[in-house]
Amino acid sequence: MNVDTQNENNEGSFDEELGSSAHDTDAEEGSTLVARLEEQLLDAKDRYLRQAADMENMRRRQEKERADLLKYGTEKLLQELLPVLDSLDKALLSAEGQSNPVVEGVKMVHKQFTSVLEHHGLKATLAKGANFDPNLHQAIQRVEEDVKEDTVKEEFQKGYTLNGRLVRPSMVSVSVPKSS
């Protein structure tokens, strides 16, 4: 019996050792599992933050595009109406000094038409006498004169901007300094 008791004692301590090392393995696996889960959580959080930032950028870009569409959506139509405005300007220029009902009617139509165009953001650019700006003016003639800088001498066709964006450049002749 003594031997059986001793065997039971030995088995118990062996089981405890196995249990202890099995417990240590479980603890190591558990900490590894926790580390992997924490890493996955950080990855998921990072992906979420990136997607949220992408969505915010896309929303801002769409708002800007919508605002630009509202601001410049009439540009093509206004470009097509500019020749009509040019014709009215020429009619008024040729009728200068005359005073009859037809001329007065054309003046009223011109005033009303320009008012509507201005209401939609169209503005004529100032050219004659201004410094030449290739961003606003299209030079079709150069004349050497006694000037210090390139200056617009004559305007052949008015230029226009729509809400600050050039729709059509002014067609101008430019006075340039005489070459030595």
C-alpha atoms as a PDB file:
ATOM      1  CA  MET A   1       0.000   0.000   0.000  1.00  0.00           C
ATOM      2  CA  ASN A   2       2.775   2.215   0.684  1.00  0.00           C
ATOM      3  CA  VAL A   3       3.799   1.952  -2.909  1.00  0.00           C
ATOM      4  CA  ASP A   4       0.262   2.801  -4.119  1.00  0.00           C
ATOM      5  CA  THR A   5       0.156   5.868  -1.917  1.00  0.00           C
ATOM      6  CA  GLN A   6       3.475   6.918  -3.218  1.00  0.00           C
ATOM      7  CA  ASN A   7       2.333   6.390  -6.831  1.00  0.00           C
ATOM      8  CA  GLU A   8      -0.800   8.430  -6.175  1.00  0.00           C
ATOM      9  CA  ASN A   9       1.275  11.213  -4.693  1.00  0.00           C
ATOM     10  CA  ASN A  10       3.619  11.105  -7.666  1.00  0.00           C
ATOM     11  CA  GLU A  11       0.719  11.131 -10.125  1.00  0.00           C
ATOM     12  CA  GLY A  12      -0.848  14.088  -8.362  1.00  0.00           C
ATOM     13  CA  SER A  13       2.304  16.130  -8.553  1.00  0.00           C
ATOM     14  CA  PHE A  14       2.772  15.095 -12.203  1.00  0.00           C
ATOM     15  CA  ASP A  15      -0.778  16.204 -12.970  1.00  0.00           C
ATOM     16  CA  GLU A  16      -0.111  19.484 -11.235  1.00  0.00           C
ATOM     17  CA  GLU A  17       3.014  20.017 -13.331  1.00  0.00           C
ATOM     18  CA  LEU A  18       1.113  19.200 -16.515  1.00  0.00           C
ATOM     19  CA  GLY A  19      -1.710  21.487 -15.466  1.00  0.00           C
ATOM     20  CA  SER A  20       0.723  24.236 -14.678  1.00  0.00           C
ATOM     21  CA  SER A  21       2.491  24.004 -18.011  1.00  0.00           C
ATOM     22  CA  ALA A  22      -0.844  23.649 -19.834  1.00  0.00           C
ATOM     23  CA  HIS A  23      -2.010  26.747 -17.966  1.00  0.00           C
ATOM     24  CA  ASP A  24       1.178  28.578 -19.004  1.00  0.00           C
ATOM     25  CA  THR A  25       0.557  27.579 -22.646  1.00  0.00           C
ATOM     26  CA  ASP A  26      -3.028  28.794 -22.399  1.00  0.00           C
ATOM     27  CA  ALA A  27      -1.798  32.091 -20.899  1.00  0.00           C
ATOM     28  CA  GLU A  28       0.739  32.521 -23.714  1.00  0.00           C
ATOM     29  CA  GLU A  29      -1.884  31.711 -26.342  1.00  0.00           C
ATOM     30  CA  GLY A  30      -4.304  34.063 -24.613  1.00  0.00           C
ATOM     31  CA  SER A  31      -1.816  36.944 -24.591  1.00  0.00           C
ATOM     32  CA  THR A  32      -0.950  36.237 -28.239  1.00  0.00           C
ATOM     33  CA  LEU A  33      -4.658  36.205 -29.070  1.00  0.00           C
ATOM     34  CA  VAL A  34      -5.195  39.486 -27.210  1.00  0.00           C
ATOM     35  CA  ALA A  35      -2.239  41.038 -29.038  1.00  0.00           C
ATOM     36  CA  ARG A  36      -3.620  39.904 -32.416  1.00  0.00           C
ATOM     37  CA  LEU A  37      -7.084  41.181 -31.553  1.00  0.00           C
ATOM     38  CA  GLU A  38      -5.662  44.532 -30.431  1.00  0.00           C
ATOM     39  CA  GLU A  39      -3.724  44.766 -33.703  1.00  0.00           C
ATOM     40  CA  GLN A  40      -6.866  43.955 -35.704  1.00  0.00           C
ATOM     41  CA  LEU A  41      -8.777  46.547 -33.721  1.00  0.00           C
ATOM     42  CA  LEU A  42      -6.139  49.180 -34.463  1.00  0.00           C
ATOM     43  CA  ASP A  43      -6.218  48.197 -38.156  1.00  0.00           C
ATOM     44  CA  ALA A  44     -10.013  48.436 -38.269  1.00  0.00           C
ATOM     45  CA  LYS A  45      -9.938  51.792 -36.477  1.00  0.00           C
ATOM     46  CA  ASP A  46      -7.320  53.088 -38.938  1.00  0.00           C
ATOM     47  CA  ARG A  47      -9.384  51.899 -41.936  1.00  0.00           C
ATOM     48  CA  TYR A  48     -12.497  53.504 -40.439  1.00  0.00           C
ATOM     49  CA  LEU A  49     -10.724  56.840 -39.917  1.00  0.00           C
ATOM     50  CA  ARG A  50      -9.338  56.780 -43.465  1.00  0.00           C
ATOM     51  CA  GLN A  51     -12.748  55.996 -44.943  1.00  0.00           C
ATOM     52  CA  ALA A  52     -14.358  58.730 -42.851  1.00  0.00           C
ATOM     53  CA  ALA A  53     -11.724  61.205 -44.101  1.00  0.00           C
ATOM     54  CA  ASP A  54     -12.269  60.048 -47.706  1.00  0.00           C
ATOM     55  CA  MET A  55     -16.020  60.518 -47.332  1.00  0.00           C
ATOM     56  CA  GLU A  56     -15.521  64.024 -45.898  1.00  0.00           C
ATOM     57  CA  ASN A  57     -13.165  64.945 -48.767  1.00  0.00           C
ATOM     58  CA  MET A  58     -15.649  63.595 -51.306  1.00  0.00           C
ATOM     59  CA  ARG A  59     -18.484  65.598 -49.684  1.00  0.00           C
ATOM     60  CA  ARG A  60     -16.406  68.797 -49.795  1.00  0.00           C
ATOM     61  CA  ARG A  61     -15.413  68.173 -53.415  1.00  0.00           C
ATOM     62  CA  GLN A  62     -19.055  67.616 -54.411  1.00  0.00           C
ATOM     63  CA  GLU A  63     -20.128  70.792 -52.610  1.00  0.00           C
ATOM     64  CA  LYS A  64     -17.422  72.763 -54.451  1.00  0.00           C
ATOM     65  CA  GLU A  65     -18.445  71.245 -57.788  1.00  0.00           C
ATOM     66  CA  ARG A  66     -22.097  72.066 -57.076  1.00  0.00           C
ATOM     67  CA  ALA A  67     -21.193  75.651 -56.142  1.00  0.00           C
ATOM     68  CA  ASP A  68     -19.063  76.019 -59.304  1.00  0.00           C
ATOM     69  CA  LEU A  69     -21.892  74.623 -61.407  1.00  0.00           C
ATOM     70  CA  LEU A  70     -24.275  77.203 -59.976  1.00  0.00           C
ATOM     71  CA  LYS A  71     -21.704  79.965 -60.359  1.00  0.00           C
ATOM     72  CA  TYR A  72     -20.462  79.139 -63.872  1.00  0.00           C
ATOM     73  CA  GLY A  73     -23.282  76.993 -65.291  1.00  0.00           C
ATOM     74  CA  THR A  74     -24.539  79.815 -67.503  1.00  0.00           C
ATOM     75  CA  GLU A  75     -21.130  80.456 -69.078  1.00  0.00           C
ATOM     76  CA  LYS A  76     -21.859  78.715 -72.392  1.00  0.00           C
ATOM     77  CA  LEU A  77     -25.201  80.489 -72.800  1.00  0.00           C
ATOM     78  CA  LEU A  78     -23.643  83.859 -71.983  1.00  0.00           C
ATOM     79  CA  GLN A  79     -20.850  83.243 -74.507  1.00  0.00           C
ATOM     80  CA  GLU A  80     -23.488  82.689 -77.167  1.00  0.00           C
ATOM     81  CA  LEU A  81     -25.318  85.884 -76.152  1.00  0.00           C
ATOM     82  CA  LEU A  82     -22.204  88.080 -76.390  1.00  0.00           C
ATOM     83  CA  PRO A  83     -22.463  88.538 -80.189  1.00  0.00           C
ATOM     84  CA  VAL A  84     -26.024  89.835 -79.663  1.00  0.00           C
ATOM     85  CA  LEU A  85     -24.693  92.334 -77.131  1.00  0.00           C
ATOM     86  CA  ASP A  86     -21.921  93.303 -79.579  1.00  0.00           C
ATOM     87  CA  SER A  87     -24.551  93.941 -82.272  1.00  0.00           C
ATOM     88  CA  LEU A  88     -26.562  96.144 -79.926  1.00  0.00           C
ATOM     89  CA  ASP A  89     -23.388  98.074 -79.049  1.00  0.00           C
ATOM     90  CA  LYS A  90     -22.634  98.602 -82.759  1.00  0.00           C
ATOM     91  CA  ALA A  91     -26.193  99.711 -83.430  1.00  0.00           C
ATOM     92  CA  LEU A  92     -25.967 102.280 -80.642  1.00  0.00           C
ATOM     93  CA  LEU A  93     -22.551 103.447 -81.853  1.00  0.00           C
ATOM     94  CA  SER A  94     -23.831 103.979 -85.401  1.00  0.00           C
ATOM     95  CA  ALA A  95     -26.931 105.808 -84.111  1.00  0.00           C
ATOM     96  CA  GLU A  96     -24.899 108.074 -81.822  1.00  0.00           C
ATOM     97  CA  GLY A  97     -26.214 111.617 -81.842  1.00  0.00           C
ATOM     98  CA  GLN A  98     -29.585 110.623 -83.259  1.00  0.00           C
ATOM     99  CA  SER A  99     -32.730 110.944 -81.226  1.00  0.00           C
ATOM    100  CA  ASN A 100     -35.746 109.083 -82.531  1.00  0.00           C
ATOM    101  CA  PRO A 101     -38.066 106.466 -81.018  1.00  0.00           C
ATOM    102  CA  VAL A 102     -36.240 103.528 -82.618  1.00  0.00           C
ATOM    103  CA  VAL A 103     -32.868 104.597 -81.227  1.00  0.00           C
ATOM    104  CA  GLU A 104     -34.428 105.190 -77.807  1.00  0.00           C
ATOM    105  CA  GLY A 105     -36.008 101.708 -77.980  1.00  0.00           C
ATOM    106  CA  VAL A 106     -32.653 100.104 -78.854  1.00  0.00           C
ATOM    107  CA  LYS A 107     -31.036 101.973 -75.931  1.00  0.00           C
ATOM    108  CA  MET A 108     -33.694 100.652 -73.557  1.00  0.00           C
ATOM    109  CA  VAL A 109     -33.295  97.088 -74.877  1.00  0.00           C
ATOM    110  CA  HIS A 110     -29.504  97.397 -74.532  1.00  0.00           C
ATOM    111  CA  LYS A 111     -29.814  98.674 -70.967  1.00  0.00           C
ATOM    112  CA  GLN A 112     -32.244  95.911 -70.015  1.00  0.00           C
ATOM    113  CA  PHE A 113     -30.122  93.221 -71.684  1.00  0.00           C
ATOM    114  CA  THR A 114     -26.889  94.336 -69.985  1.00  0.00           C
ATOM    115  CA  SER A 115     -28.714  94.553 -66.656  1.00  0.00           C
ATOM    116  CA  VAL A 116     -29.858  90.932 -66.950  1.00  0.00           C
ATOM    117  CA  LEU A 117     -26.357  89.773 -67.938  1.00  0.00           C
ATOM    118  CA  GLU A 118     -24.786  91.671 -65.034  1.00  0.00           C
ATOM    119  CA  HIS A 119     -27.349  90.173 -62.670  1.00  0.00           C
ATOM    120  CA  HIS A 120     -26.030  86.746 -63.709  1.00  0.00           C
ATOM    121  CA  GLY A 121     -22.412  87.759 -63.003  1.00  0.00           C
ATOM    122  CA  LEU A 122     -21.226  88.959 -66.416  1.00  0.00           C
ATOM    123  CA  LYS A 123     -19.020  92.063 -66.364  1.00  0.00           C
ATOM    124  CA  ALA A 124     -17.203  93.901 -69.124  1.00  0.00           C
ATOM    125  CA  THR A 125     -13.454  94.232 -68.642  1.00  0.00           C
ATOM    126  CA  LEU A 126     -11.894  97.665 -68.888  1.00  0.00           C
ATOM    127  CA  ALA A 127      -9.416  97.820 -71.715  1.00  0.00           C
ATOM    128  CA  LYS A 128      -8.837 101.183 -73.376  1.00  0.00           C
ATOM    129  CA  GLY A 129      -6.055 103.065 -71.575  1.00  0.00           C
ATOM    130  CA  ALA A 130      -5.291 100.184 -69.192  1.00  0.00           C
ATOM    131  CA  ASN A 131      -1.971  98.382 -68.976  1.00  0.00           C
ATOM    132  CA  PHE A 132      -1.881  95.431 -71.344  1.00  0.00           C
ATOM    133  CA  ASP A 133      -2.652  92.170 -69.511  1.00  0.00           C
ATOM    134  CA  PRO A 134      -2.355  89.014 -71.643  1.00  0.00           C
ATOM    135  CA  ASN A 135      -4.714  87.280 -69.204  1.00  0.00           C
ATOM    136  CA  LEU A 136      -7.506  89.737 -70.108  1.00  0.00           C
ATOM    137  CA  HIS A 137      -6.544  91.114 -73.524  1.00  0.00           C
ATOM    138  CA  GLN A 138      -5.839  89.565 -76.879  1.00  0.00           C
ATOM    139  CA  ALA A 139      -3.513  91.811 -78.849  1.00  0.00           C
ATOM    140  CA  ILE A 140      -4.201  91.886 -82.561  1.00  0.00           C
ATOM    141  CA  GLN A 141      -2.025  94.892 -83.321  1.00  0.00           C
ATOM    142  CA  ARG A 142       1.149  96.472 -81.893  1.00  0.00           C
ATOM    143  CA  VAL A 143       1.944 100.151 -82.346  1.00  0.00           C
ATOM    144  CA  GLU A 144       5.258 101.680 -81.265  1.00  0.00           C
ATOM    145  CA  GLU A 145       4.700 104.954 -79.437  1.00  0.00           C
ATOM    146  CA  ASP A 146       6.173 107.089 -76.671  1.00  0.00           C
ATOM    147  CA  VAL A 147       4.873 105.030 -73.752  1.00  0.00           C
ATOM    148  CA  LYS A 148       6.681 103.480 -70.810  1.00  0.00           C
ATOM    149  CA  GLU A 149       4.698 100.225 -70.667  1.00  0.00           C
ATOM    150  CA  ASP A 150       2.514  98.205 -72.974  1.00  0.00           C
ATOM    151  CA  THR A 151      -0.834 100.009 -72.930  1.00  0.00           C
ATOM    152  CA  VAL A 152      -4.137  99.240 -74.615  1.00  0.00           C
ATOM    153  CA  LYS A 153      -4.599 101.875 -77.300  1.00  0.00           C
ATOM    154  CA  GLU A 154      -7.872 100.773 -78.866  1.00  0.00           C
ATOM    155  CA  GLU A 155     -10.499  98.136 -78.128  1.00  0.00           C
ATOM    156  CA  PHE A 156     -12.014  96.332 -81.123  1.00  0.00           C
ATOM    157  CA  GLN A 157     -14.171  93.896 -79.158  1.00  0.00           C
ATOM    158  CA  LYS A 158     -15.144  94.021 -75.496  1.00  0.00           C
ATOM    159  CA  GLY A 159     -13.950  91.340 -73.129  1.00  0.00           C
ATOM    160  CA  TYR A 160     -16.094  89.848 -70.366  1.00  0.00           C
ATOM    161  CA  THR A 161     -15.719  87.942 -67.118  1.00  0.00           C
ATOM    162  CA  LEU A 162     -18.270  85.742 -65.403  1.00  0.00           C
ATOM    163  CA  ASN A 163     -17.957  85.891 -61.619  1.00  0.00           C
ATOM    164  CA  GLY A 164     -14.269  86.713 -61.981  1.00  0.00           C
ATOM    165  CA  ARG A 165     -13.515  84.049 -64.630  1.00  0.00           C
ATOM    166  CA  LEU A 166     -12.600  85.239 -68.109  1.00  0.00           C
ATOM    167  CA  VAL A 167     -15.317  84.391 -70.641  1.00  0.00           C
ATOM    168  CA  ARG A 168     -13.916  86.305 -73.592  1.00  0.00           C
ATOM    169  CA  PRO A 169     -10.715  88.388 -73.822  1.00  0.00           C
ATOM    170  CA  SER A 170     -10.807  91.932 -75.187  1.00  0.00           C
ATOM    171  CA  MET A 171      -9.496  92.256 -78.755  1.00  0.00           C
ATOM    172  CA  VAL A 172      -7.141  95.230 -78.604  1.00  0.00           C
ATOM    173  CA  SER A 173      -4.336  97.146 -80.222  1.00  0.00           C
ATOM    174  CA  VAL A 174      -1.385  97.736 -77.925  1.00  0.00           C
ATOM    175  CA  SER A 175       0.932 100.735 -77.692  1.00  0.00           C
ATOM    176  CA  VAL A 176       4.441  99.497 -76.988  1.00  0.00           C
ATOM    177  CA  PRO A 177       7.576 101.508 -76.136  1.00  0.00           C
ATOM    178  CA  LYS A 178       9.669 102.513 -79.138  1.00  0.00           C
ATOM    179  CA  SER A 179      12.675 100.291 -79.630  1.00  0.00           C
ATOM    180  CA  SER A 180      16.026 102.054 -79.476  1.00  0.00           C
END
